[in-house]
Amino acid sequence: GGETHEKRTQTPPTTARVRRDDTVTMIHSLFILNRNGDILIAKNCRGFVDRSIAYEFWNEVARAKKPEDVCPVISTLRHCLVHVRRDELTFLAVIQQDSPPLLVISFLDRIYTVLQVYLSNKVNEGSVKENFATIYQVLEEMMDNGAPFTTEPNLLTEMIHPPGGLIGAAEDLITGKTGASSQLPGMMLRSTPWRNPKKHLQNEIFFDIIEDVDCIVDANGMLVSSDVRGTIMADCNLSGMPDLTMHFNYPRILDDVGFHPCVRLLRWAESSVISFVPPDGIFKLLDYRVPRGTTVNMPIYVKPQFSFHQGTGQVTVMVGTKQTQGKDVTNTVVYIPFSDEVSSVSFTVTHGETFYDSTKRLCTWTIGTLPNDKAPMLTGQILLGGGKQSLVSRPTITADFHVKGLSCSGIKVTTLGVTNVDYSLYKGCRHLCRAGRFQVRSL
């Protein structure tokens, strides 16, 4: 009782306190579902919501061809269902008022991020069942009457200690202790509640700039549309209270930027410089989008071609490197879907291996690392059933790939300054370009 009273009377200086009325964005109930739609966690925040609403949502999932096709926001007669899928779990929020759906989606994603910290990046059905008591405590601190309250992982781990495995659980059972702290963390009352000054034996900070390329390429190899979504992840192990500044070569191409609370927004608005006091550990510094019309370096090309004669078709698909700046293209996989008109297929490849799923009518061509000297090629034959002479529509081919060390948008960190420290440190930045929705139309 004393702990709850202390939480509600001392508000962090960086957390906006909400009033309990119907004008505030509220989550009425939160559910965590497994891959079969079974409820693992159910938390009612504002009154009772029957569990049948989760099964109603899962009926929508069952009707979809793929779970990814389910709309993130579903309206029912009395509720609005907002969900995100992460790994094998679904995080479902039930809302009974008009609320910004992107805010709810962002909060659900933050719940998943926090659980990654508590469950050592193993957020699955087994880990949730083993640590449900800790998860309930974390959700209690993250939400106040259904509204986001404390969402910073470093602050939460000071208030609710991460589980200590089987030995720690046995000790808590014997001693009667819980993972909750009996006092508010001192960092909660500072102007930087995300930062807890620590002493590290080796001071270092590293950044990963990850860019996902969404594009549509027509049958002639011309780019129809492209979109780049980027994220900058940081791994900080610095002692004390360091103050960092990050400069980019082309900051003007960063659009729709979303920052971690540690970033000083005024400095970015005035001079396009990222100035911040970083949290400890791994965190997302910012995410961004590159505006359409910006020149994008496409690391690979895919050239498909189909021809038909009297119900028999010939397939040729060629994949090769394009603008990689000498970097290796790895984890390359090409997906070729076929319609119900196709009765049988046979393929041969010059590099990698293929697998055809006759149930889904999907050919998966796993290439791996693309060779630079010769472009891999897939050739094959398809037979049409039902007296068909040709496909009504040509398949749209998709591809996955990773290119380490490549920035497809051209964005790079030019300077990373560190002040307010009296020690030497290691710092670095690396790039990763990967396929998002990489689609190629075929002839």
Foldseek 3Di string as FASTA:
>chain_A
DVQVVVPVPDAFPVWDDDDPDQVDDFFQKKFKAFLVQDTLDIDGQADDDDPVVSVVLVVQCVPDPHNVPRDQWDDDPQWIWGWDDDDGMIMITTHRHDDDNVVVVVLSVLLVVLVCVQQVNDDHSVSCNVCVVLSVVLVPQQDHSGHGGDRQNQQSCVAFPRQDPPVSVVVCVVVVDHRGDPDHDPLSHDPRSLADADDDPAWEKEKEKEKAKAFEAEQVRHTPWIKIKIWIKMAGDHGDFKKKKWDKPCLVQWAPKDADPQWDVVCCVVPVITIGGDHHGMDIGMMTMGDIPQQFFDQKTKHWEWDFAQQKIKIKIWMATDPQVPWKKFFKKKKWADDPQWDDKDKDKPAADWDADPVRRMIIGGHGIADHPDIMMMIIMIGTPPRDGDDPAGTKMWMKIKTKQDDRNPMDTDDMDIDPDDDDHYYYYIYMYIYDGGIYGHD
